[in-house]
Amino acid sequence: MRLPYRSPNLNAYAERFVRSIEDECLSKMIFFGERSLRRATREYAAHYHRERNHQGIGNRLIETDPRANSTSSIVECSQRLGGMLRFYHRRAA
């Protein structure tokens, strides 16, 4: 669907995701083909939906992760894309 001329707010959610993936992932990597680009975008999308807090929805996750419901006091650090994307969670009991 074509958008009306000078309507920047119609695609606010898509533009925010594109800016996030560009700033946090794509601008920091060198790709050697389509396969590596697809892998990086797939890993970032999983991180964005399951592990990254979002201020627009009250600092919650879009999709809940079973690790988030743990009552353990030990906090672990997990990584994606060779440590470029990090997230913290409680160790499963």
PDB file of N, CA and C in Angstrom:
ATOM      1  N   MET A   1       0.848  -1.177   0.000  1.00  0.00           N
ATOM      2  CA  MET A   1       0.000   0.000   0.000  1.00  0.00           C
ATOM      3  C   MET A   1       0.889   1.235   0.000  1.00  0.00           C
ATOM      4  N   ARG A   2       0.614   2.129  -0.893  1.00  0.00           N
ATOM      5  CA  ARG A   2       1.382   3.368  -0.953  1.00  0.00           C
ATOM      6  C   ARG A   2       0.922   4.308   0.143  1.00  0.00           C
ATOM      7  N   LEU A   3       1.896   4.967   0.759  1.00  0.00           N
ATOM      8  CA  LEU A   3       1.597   5.903   1.831  1.00  0.00           C
ATOM      9  C   LEU A   3       1.418   7.309   1.284  1.00  0.00           C
ATOM     10  N   PRO A   4       0.593   8.109   1.957  1.00  0.00           N
ATOM     11  CA  PRO A   4       0.432   9.501   1.518  1.00  0.00           C
ATOM     12  C   PRO A   4       1.736  10.276   1.645  1.00  0.00           C
ATOM     13  N   TYR A   5       1.876  11.266   0.842  1.00  0.00           N
ATOM     14  CA  TYR A   5       3.048  12.126   0.836  1.00  0.00           C
ATOM     15  C   TYR A   5       3.160  12.855   2.165  1.00  0.00           C
ATOM     16  N   ARG A   6       4.382  12.935   2.701  1.00  0.00           N
ATOM     17  CA  ARG A   6       4.680  13.618   3.965  1.00  0.00           C
ATOM     18  C   ARG A   6       3.844  13.087   5.133  1.00  0.00           C
ATOM     19  N   SER A   7       3.910  11.796   5.354  1.00  0.00           N
ATOM     20  CA  SER A   7       3.193  11.186   6.483  1.00  0.00           C
ATOM     21  C   SER A   7       4.172  10.321   7.278  1.00  0.00           C
ATOM     22  N   PRO A   8       5.041  10.948   8.076  1.00  0.00           N
ATOM     23  CA  PRO A   8       6.105  10.201   8.748  1.00  0.00           C
ATOM     24  C   PRO A   8       5.627   9.291   9.869  1.00  0.00           C
ATOM     25  N   ASN A   9       4.452   9.518  10.419  1.00  0.00           N
ATOM     26  CA  ASN A   9       4.020   8.745  11.584  1.00  0.00           C
ATOM     27  C   ASN A   9       3.217   7.495  11.242  1.00  0.00           C
ATOM     28  N   LEU A  10       2.979   7.233   9.980  1.00  0.00           N
ATOM     29  CA  LEU A  10       2.198   6.059   9.625  1.00  0.00           C
ATOM     30  C   LEU A  10       2.975   4.761   9.830  1.00  0.00           C
ATOM     31  N   ASN A  11       4.259   4.798   9.698  1.00  0.00           N
ATOM     32  CA  ASN A  11       5.090   3.607   9.867  1.00  0.00           C
ATOM     33  C   ASN A  11       5.987   3.718  11.089  1.00  0.00           C
ATOM     34  N   ALA A  12       5.502   4.272  12.159  1.00  0.00           N
ATOM     35  CA  ALA A  12       6.341   4.535  13.331  1.00  0.00           C
ATOM     36  C   ALA A  12       6.931   3.250  13.914  1.00  0.00           C
ATOM     37  N   TYR A  13       6.152   2.176  14.000  1.00  0.00           N
ATOM     38  CA  TYR A  13       6.654   0.932  14.596  1.00  0.00           C
ATOM     39  C   TYR A  13       7.712   0.286  13.708  1.00  0.00           C
ATOM     40  N   ALA A  14       7.460   0.249  12.419  1.00  0.00           N
ATOM     41  CA  ALA A  14       8.443  -0.340  11.500  1.00  0.00           C
ATOM     42  C   ALA A  14       9.713   0.495  11.461  1.00  0.00           C
ATOM     43  N   GLU A  15       9.585   1.802  11.450  1.00  0.00           N
ATOM     44  CA  GLU A  15      10.758   2.665  11.417  1.00  0.00           C
ATOM     45  C   GLU A  15      11.567   2.540  12.705  1.00  0.00           C
ATOM     46  N   ARG A  16      10.913   2.373  13.842  1.00  0.00           N
ATOM     47  CA  ARG A  16      11.627   2.209  15.103  1.00  0.00           C
ATOM     48  C   ARG A  16      12.408   0.894  15.115  1.00  0.00           C
ATOM     49  N   PHE A  17      11.814  -0.186  14.596  1.00  0.00           N
ATOM     50  CA  PHE A  17      12.521  -1.467  14.537  1.00  0.00           C
ATOM     51  C   PHE A  17      13.718  -1.369  13.602  1.00  0.00           C
ATOM     52  N   VAL A  18      13.538  -0.743  12.445  1.00  0.00           N
ATOM     53  CA  VAL A  18      14.646  -0.602  11.487  1.00  0.00           C
ATOM     54  C   VAL A  18      15.772   0.212  12.102  1.00  0.00           C
ATOM     55  N   ARG A  19      15.438   1.277  12.804  1.00  0.00           N
ATOM     56  CA  ARG A  19      16.483   2.088  13.442  1.00  0.00           C
ATOM     57  C   ARG A  19      17.200   1.292  14.536  1.00  0.00           C
ATOM     58  N   SER A  20      16.450   0.522  15.312  1.00  0.00           N
ATOM     59  CA  SER A  20      17.060  -0.286  16.379  1.00  0.00           C
ATOM     60  C   SER A  20      18.008  -1.330  15.816  1.00  0.00           C
ATOM     61  N   ILE A  21      17.567  -2.070  14.800  1.00  0.00           N
ATOM     62  CA  ILE A  21      18.419  -3.124  14.249  1.00  0.00           C
ATOM     63  C   ILE A  21      19.650  -2.530  13.571  1.00  0.00           C
ATOM     64  N   GLU A  22      19.494  -1.377  12.968  1.00  0.00           N
ATOM     65  CA  GLU A  22      20.641  -0.729  12.328  1.00  0.00           C
ATOM     66  C   GLU A  22      21.652  -0.234  13.357  1.00  0.00           C
ATOM     67  N   ASP A  23      21.170   0.439  14.412  1.00  0.00           N
ATOM     68  CA  ASP A  23      22.066   0.998  15.426  1.00  0.00           C
ATOM     69  C   ASP A  23      22.721  -0.069  16.295  1.00  0.00           C
ATOM     70  N   GLU A  24      21.967  -1.094  16.681  1.00  0.00           N
ATOM     71  CA  GLU A  24      22.462  -2.076  17.642  1.00  0.00           C
ATOM     72  C   GLU A  24      23.142  -3.275  16.996  1.00  0.00           C
ATOM     73  N   CYS A  25      22.949  -3.478  15.701  1.00  0.00           N
ATOM     74  CA  CYS A  25      23.467  -4.706  15.099  1.00  0.00           C
ATOM     75  C   CYS A  25      24.180  -4.468  13.764  1.00  0.00           C
ATOM     76  N   LEU A  26      23.445  -4.028  12.775  1.00  0.00           N
ATOM     77  CA  LEU A  26      23.968  -4.019  11.408  1.00  0.00           C
ATOM     78  C   LEU A  26      25.133  -3.059  11.195  1.00  0.00           C
ATOM     79  N   SER A  27      25.138  -1.932  11.877  1.00  0.00           N
ATOM     80  CA  SER A  27      26.217  -0.964  11.668  1.00  0.00           C
ATOM     81  C   SER A  27      27.522  -1.397  12.343  1.00  0.00           C
ATOM     82  N   LYS A  28      27.473  -2.438  13.169  1.00  0.00           N
ATOM     83  CA  LYS A  28      28.653  -2.898  13.889  1.00  0.00           C
ATOM     84  C   LYS A  28      29.241  -4.178  13.306  1.00  0.00           C
ATOM     85  N   MET A  29      28.695  -4.660  12.206  1.00  0.00           N
ATOM     86  CA  MET A  29      29.139  -5.942  11.652  1.00  0.00           C
ATOM     87  C   MET A  29      29.551  -5.791  10.193  1.00  0.00           C
ATOM     88  N   ILE A  30      30.367  -6.722   9.747  1.00  0.00           N
ATOM     89  CA  ILE A  30      30.737  -6.823   8.335  1.00  0.00           C
ATOM     90  C   ILE A  30      30.174  -8.146   7.838  1.00  0.00           C
ATOM     91  N   PHE A  31      29.410  -8.111   6.776  1.00  0.00           N
ATOM     92  CA  PHE A  31      28.754  -9.313   6.267  1.00  0.00           C
ATOM     93  C   PHE A  31      29.463  -9.822   5.022  1.00  0.00           C
ATOM     94  N   PHE A  32      29.527 -11.138   4.918  1.00  0.00           N
ATOM     95  CA  PHE A  32      30.160 -11.789   3.783  1.00  0.00           C
ATOM     96  C   PHE A  32      29.129 -12.550   2.969  1.00  0.00           C
ATOM     97  N   GLY A  33      28.043 -11.907   2.670  1.00  0.00           N
ATOM     98  CA  GLY A  33      27.010 -12.522   1.850  1.00  0.00           C
ATOM     99  C   GLY A  33      25.644 -12.464   2.511  1.00  0.00           C
ATOM    100  N   GLU A  34      24.667 -12.913   1.758  1.00  0.00           N
ATOM    101  CA  GLU A  34      23.285 -12.861   2.209  1.00  0.00           C
ATOM    102  C   GLU A  34      23.036 -13.784   3.406  1.00  0.00           C
ATOM    103  N   ARG A  35      23.709 -14.917   3.431  1.00  0.00           N
ATOM    104  CA  ARG A  35      23.510 -15.884   4.505  1.00  0.00           C
ATOM    105  C   ARG A  35      23.890 -15.297   5.868  1.00  0.00           C
ATOM    106  N   SER A  36      25.011 -14.614   5.959  1.00  0.00           N
ATOM    107  CA  SER A  36      25.416 -14.024   7.236  1.00  0.00           C
ATOM    108  C   SER A  36      24.498 -12.868   7.629  1.00  0.00           C
ATOM    109  N   LEU A  37      24.002 -12.107   6.663  1.00  0.00           N
ATOM    110  CA  LEU A  37      23.057 -11.030   6.949  1.00  0.00           C
ATOM    111  C   LEU A  37      21.747 -11.599   7.476  1.00  0.00           C
ATOM    112  N   ARG A  38      21.261 -12.657   6.855  1.00  0.00           N
ATOM    113  CA  ARG A  38      20.012 -13.282   7.317  1.00  0.00           C
ATOM    114  C   ARG A  38      20.153 -13.846   8.727  1.00  0.00           C
ATOM    115  N   ARG A  39      21.292 -14.464   9.019  1.00  0.00           N
ATOM    116  CA  ARG A  39      21.516 -15.009  10.361  1.00  0.00           C
ATOM    117  C   ARG A  39      21.531 -13.896  11.398  1.00  0.00           C
ATOM    118  N   ALA A  40      22.204 -12.798  11.098  1.00  0.00           N
ATOM    119  CA  ALA A  40      22.280 -11.679  12.046  1.00  0.00           C
ATOM    120  C   ALA A  40      20.901 -11.074  12.283  1.00  0.00           C
ATOM    121  N   THR A  41      20.110 -10.898  11.247  1.00  0.00           N
ATOM    122  CA  THR A  41      18.776 -10.320  11.428  1.00  0.00           C
ATOM    123  C   THR A  41      17.858 -11.283  12.181  1.00  0.00           C
ATOM    124  N   ARG A  42      17.999 -12.579  11.945  1.00  0.00           N
ATOM    125  CA  ARG A  42      17.205 -13.575  12.670  1.00  0.00           C
ATOM    126  C   ARG A  42      17.558 -13.569  14.162  1.00  0.00           C
ATOM    127  N   GLU A  43      18.849 -13.518  14.477  1.00  0.00           N
ATOM    128  CA  GLU A  43      19.289 -13.479  15.870  1.00  0.00           C
ATOM    129  C   GLU A  43      18.841 -12.186  16.547  1.00  0.00           C
ATOM    130  N   TYR A  44      18.927 -11.069  15.834  1.00  0.00           N
ATOM    131  CA  TYR A  44      18.509  -9.802  16.425  1.00  0.00           C
ATOM    132  C   TYR A  44      17.006  -9.790  16.671  1.00  0.00           C
ATOM    133  N   ALA A  45      16.225 -10.310  15.741  1.00  0.00           N
ATOM    134  CA  ALA A  45      14.769 -10.345  15.923  1.00  0.00           C
ATOM    135  C   ALA A  45      14.396 -11.187  17.144  1.00  0.00           C
ATOM    136  N   ALA A  46      15.077 -12.308  17.335  1.00  0.00           N
ATOM    137  CA  ALA A  46      14.822 -13.133  18.525  1.00  0.00           C
ATOM    138  C   ALA A  46      15.186 -12.353  19.790  1.00  0.00           C
ATOM    139  N   HIS A  47      16.307 -11.662  19.767  1.00  0.00           N
ATOM    140  CA  HIS A  47      16.720 -10.837  20.913  1.00  0.00           C
ATOM    141  C   HIS A  47      15.713  -9.720  21.164  1.00  0.00           C
ATOM    142  N   TYR A  48      15.263  -9.072  20.124  1.00  0.00           N
ATOM    143  CA  TYR A  48      14.343  -7.938  20.221  1.00  0.00           C
ATOM    144  C   TYR A  48      13.014  -8.368  20.842  1.00  0.00           C
ATOM    145  N   HIS A  49      12.514  -9.536  20.462  1.00  0.00           N
ATOM    146  CA  HIS A  49      11.205  -9.978  20.938  1.00  0.00           C
ATOM    147  C   HIS A  49      11.248 -10.703  22.274  1.00  0.00           C
ATOM    148  N   ARG A  50      12.326 -11.403  22.598  1.00  0.00           N
ATOM    149  CA  ARG A  50      12.342 -12.250  23.793  1.00  0.00           C
ATOM    150  C   ARG A  50      13.229 -11.769  24.928  1.00  0.00           C
ATOM    151  N   GLU A  51      14.220 -10.932  24.651  1.00  0.00           N
ATOM    152  CA  GLU A  51      15.213 -10.631  25.674  1.00  0.00           C
ATOM    153  C   GLU A  51      15.430  -9.142  25.935  1.00  0.00           C
ATOM    154  N   ARG A  52      14.915  -8.295  25.116  1.00  0.00           N
ATOM    155  CA  ARG A  52      15.170  -6.862  25.234  1.00  0.00           C
ATOM    156  C   ARG A  52      13.943  -6.171  25.836  1.00  0.00           C
ATOM    157  N   ASN A  53      14.140  -5.391  26.904  1.00  0.00           N
ATOM    158  CA  ASN A  53      13.045  -4.638  27.513  1.00  0.00           C
ATOM    159  C   ASN A  53      12.639  -3.491  26.604  1.00  0.00           C
ATOM    160  N   HIS A  54      11.357  -3.159  26.625  1.00  0.00           N
ATOM    161  CA  HIS A  54      10.821  -2.095  25.773  1.00  0.00           C
ATOM    162  C   HIS A  54      10.173  -1.030  26.639  1.00  0.00           C
ATOM    163  N   GLN A  55      10.673   0.183  26.543  1.00  0.00           N
ATOM    164  CA  GLN A  55      10.150   1.278  27.356  1.00  0.00           C
ATOM    165  C   GLN A  55       8.720   1.637  26.983  1.00  0.00           C
ATOM    166  N   GLY A  56       8.349   1.452  25.751  1.00  0.00           N
ATOM    167  CA  GLY A  56       7.006   1.810  25.306  1.00  0.00           C
ATOM    168  C   GLY A  56       5.911   0.950  25.906  1.00  0.00           C
ATOM    169  N   ILE A  57       6.264  -0.225  26.412  1.00  0.00           N
ATOM    170  CA  ILE A  57       5.260  -1.093  27.029  1.00  0.00           C
ATOM    171  C   ILE A  57       5.599  -1.358  28.497  1.00  0.00           C
ATOM    172  N   GLY A  58       6.111  -0.354  29.174  1.00  0.00           N
ATOM    173  CA  GLY A  58       6.367  -0.441  30.601  1.00  0.00           C
ATOM    174  C   GLY A  58       7.581  -1.271  30.969  1.00  0.00           C
ATOM    175  N   ASN A  59       8.609  -1.228  30.150  1.00  0.00           N
ATOM    176  CA  ASN A  59       9.860  -1.958  30.389  1.00  0.00           C
ATOM    177  C   ASN A  59       9.646  -3.471  30.481  1.00  0.00           C
ATOM    178  N   ARG A  60       8.687  -3.982  29.721  1.00  0.00           N
ATOM    179  CA  ARG A  60       8.420  -5.415  29.697  1.00  0.00           C
ATOM    180  C   ARG A  60       8.937  -6.009  28.401  1.00  0.00           C
ATOM    181  N   LEU A  61       8.946  -7.334  28.349  1.00  0.00           N
ATOM    182  CA  LEU A  61       9.330  -8.055  27.140  1.00  0.00           C
ATOM    183  C   LEU A  61       8.108  -8.240  26.260  1.00  0.00           C
ATOM    184  N   ILE A  62       8.314  -8.314  24.944  1.00  0.00           N
ATOM    185  CA  ILE A  62       7.201  -8.552  24.025  1.00  0.00           C
ATOM    186  C   ILE A  62       6.707  -9.984  24.191  1.00  0.00           C
ATOM    187  N   GLU A  63       7.615 -10.945  24.172  1.00  0.00           N
ATOM    188  CA  GLU A  63       7.287 -12.352  24.388  1.00  0.00           C
ATOM    189  C   GLU A  63       7.974 -12.790  25.676  1.00  0.00           C
ATOM    190  N   THR A  64       7.234 -13.412  26.581  1.00  0.00           N
ATOM    191  CA  THR A  64       7.835 -13.823  27.842  1.00  0.00           C
ATOM    192  C   THR A  64       8.717 -15.047  27.648  1.00  0.00           C
ATOM    193  N   ASP A  65       9.744 -15.124  28.463  1.00  0.00           N
ATOM    194  CA  ASP A  65      10.706 -16.211  28.425  1.00  0.00           C
ATOM    195  C   ASP A  65      10.573 -16.993  29.729  1.00  0.00           C
ATOM    196  N   PRO A  66      10.570 -18.326  29.683  1.00  0.00           N
ATOM    197  CA  PRO A  66      10.438 -19.091  30.928  1.00  0.00           C
ATOM    198  C   PRO A  66      11.544 -18.792  31.940  1.00  0.00           C
ATOM    199  N   ARG A  67      12.708 -18.365  31.484  1.00  0.00           N
ATOM    200  CA  ARG A  67      13.788 -18.039  32.409  1.00  0.00           C
ATOM    201  C   ARG A  67      13.456 -16.817  33.252  1.00  0.00           C
ATOM    202  N   ALA A  68      12.556 -15.966  32.775  1.00  0.00           N
ATOM    203  CA  ALA A  68      12.233 -14.729  33.491  1.00  0.00           C
ATOM    204  C   ALA A  68      11.428 -14.999  34.759  1.00  0.00           C
ATOM    205  N   ASN A  69      10.809 -16.173  34.890  1.00  0.00           N
ATOM    206  CA  ASN A  69       9.973 -16.476  36.047  1.00  0.00           C
ATOM    207  C   ASN A  69      10.730 -17.189  37.157  1.00  0.00           C
ATOM    208  N   SER A  70      12.010 -17.347  37.037  1.00  0.00           N
ATOM    209  CA  SER A  70      12.805 -18.047  38.034  1.00  0.00           C
ATOM    210  C   SER A  70      12.943 -17.198  39.292  1.00  0.00           C
ATOM    211  N   THR A  71      13.018 -17.886  40.436  1.00  0.00           N
ATOM    212  CA  THR A  71      13.157 -17.181  41.714  1.00  0.00           C
ATOM    213  C   THR A  71      14.576 -17.279  42.255  1.00  0.00           C
ATOM    214  N   SER A  72      15.492 -17.809  41.497  1.00  0.00           N
ATOM    215  CA  SER A  72      16.880 -17.946  41.933  1.00  0.00           C
ATOM    216  C   SER A  72      17.513 -16.566  42.105  1.00  0.00           C
ATOM    217  N   SER A  73      18.510 -16.491  42.983  1.00  0.00           N
ATOM    218  CA  SER A  73      19.183 -15.212  43.210  1.00  0.00           C
ATOM    219  C   SER A  73      20.435 -15.061  42.348  1.00  0.00           C
ATOM    220  N   ILE A  74      20.794 -16.101  41.600  1.00  0.00           N
ATOM    221  CA  ILE A  74      21.995 -16.063  40.768  1.00  0.00           C
ATOM    222  C   ILE A  74      21.624 -15.528  39.382  1.00  0.00           C
ATOM    223  N   VAL A  75      22.303 -14.475  38.960  1.00  0.00           N
ATOM    224  CA  VAL A  75      22.045 -13.847  37.672  1.00  0.00           C
ATOM    225  C   VAL A  75      23.113 -14.298  36.679  1.00  0.00           C
ATOM    226  N   GLU A  76      22.673 -14.718  35.497  1.00  0.00           N
ATOM    227  CA  GLU A  76      23.587 -15.161  34.446  1.00  0.00           C
ATOM    228  C   GLU A  76      23.523 -14.207  33.261  1.00  0.00           C
ATOM    229  N   CYS A  77      24.609 -14.137  32.538  1.00  0.00           N
ATOM    230  CA  CYS A  77      24.682 -13.329  31.323  1.00  0.00           C
ATOM    231  C   CYS A  77      24.700 -14.277  30.126  1.00  0.00           C
ATOM    232  N   SER A  78      23.806 -14.057  29.176  1.00  0.00           N
ATOM    233  CA  SER A  78      23.787 -14.828  27.934  1.00  0.00           C
ATOM    234  C   SER A  78      24.087 -13.879  26.784  1.00  0.00           C
ATOM    235  N   GLN A  79      24.552 -14.446  25.680  1.00  0.00           N
ATOM    236  CA  GLN A  79      24.982 -13.615  24.559  1.00  0.00           C
ATOM    237  C   GLN A  79      24.414 -14.129  23.249  1.00  0.00           C
ATOM    238  N   ARG A  80      24.312 -13.225  22.313  1.00  0.00           N
ATOM    239  CA  ARG A  80      23.981 -13.546  20.922  1.00  0.00           C
ATOM    240  C   ARG A  80      24.965 -12.807  20.037  1.00  0.00           C
ATOM    241  N   LEU A  81      25.185 -13.314  18.859  1.00  0.00           N
ATOM    242  CA  LEU A  81      26.063 -12.709  17.859  1.00  0.00           C
ATOM    243  C   LEU A  81      27.463 -12.448  18.413  1.00  0.00           C
ATOM    244  N   GLY A  82      28.024 -13.441  19.048  1.00  0.00           N
ATOM    245  CA  GLY A  82      29.394 -13.345  19.527  1.00  0.00           C
ATOM    246  C   GLY A  82      29.592 -12.363  20.662  1.00  0.00           C
ATOM    247  N   GLY A  83      28.569 -12.106  21.433  1.00  0.00           N
ATOM    248  CA  GLY A  83      28.687 -11.207  22.570  1.00  0.00           C
ATOM    249  C   GLY A  83      28.269  -9.780  22.289  1.00  0.00           C
ATOM    250  N   MET A  84      27.873  -9.488  21.067  1.00  0.00           N
ATOM    251  CA  MET A  84      27.452  -8.127  20.752  1.00  0.00           C
ATOM    252  C   MET A  84      26.103  -7.805  21.405  1.00  0.00           C
ATOM    253  N   LEU A  85      25.223  -8.780  21.471  1.00  0.00           N
ATOM    254  CA  LEU A  85      23.938  -8.612  22.134  1.00  0.00           C
ATOM    255  C   LEU A  85      23.975  -9.427  23.420  1.00  0.00           C
ATOM    256  N   ARG A  86      23.867  -8.760  24.542  1.00  0.00           N
ATOM    257  CA  ARG A  86      23.901  -9.438  25.836  1.00  0.00           C
ATOM    258  C   ARG A  86      22.600  -9.207  26.568  1.00  0.00           C
ATOM    259  N   PHE A  87      22.227 -10.200  27.366  1.00  0.00           N
ATOM    260  CA  PHE A  87      21.054 -10.064  28.204  1.00  0.00           C
ATOM    261  C   PHE A  87      21.263 -10.882  29.464  1.00  0.00           C
ATOM    262  N   TYR A  88      20.590 -10.480  30.517  1.00  0.00           N
ATOM    263  CA  TYR A  88      20.778 -11.078  31.820  1.00  0.00           C
ATOM    264  C   TYR A  88      19.481 -11.732  32.271  1.00  0.00           C
ATOM    265  N   HIS A  89      19.596 -12.878  32.921  1.00  0.00           N
ATOM    266  CA  HIS A  89      18.433 -13.592  33.423  1.00  0.00           C
ATOM    267  C   HIS A  89      18.830 -14.357  34.675  1.00  0.00           C
ATOM    268  N   ARG A  90      17.856 -14.763  35.430  1.00  0.00           N
ATOM    269  CA  ARG A  90      18.120 -15.549  36.639  1.00  0.00           C
ATOM    270  C   ARG A  90      18.278 -17.017  36.263  1.00  0.00           C
ATOM    271  N   ARG A  91      19.207 -17.679  36.925  1.00  0.00           N
ATOM    272  CA  ARG A  91      19.448 -19.100  36.671  1.00  0.00           C
ATOM    273  C   ARG A  91      18.203 -19.898  37.052  1.00  0.00           C
ATOM    274  N   ALA A  92      17.846 -20.874  36.216  1.00  0.00           N
ATOM    275  CA  ALA A  92      16.689 -21.710  36.501  1.00  0.00           C
ATOM    276  C   ALA A  92      16.933 -22.525  37.765  1.00  0.00           C
ATOM    277  N   ALA A  93      15.893 -22.649  38.567  1.00  0.00           N
ATOM    278  CA  ALA A  93      16.008 -23.373  39.846  1.00  0.00           C
ATOM    279  C   ALA A  93      16.079 -24.864  39.633  1.00  0.00           C
TER     280      ALA A  93
END
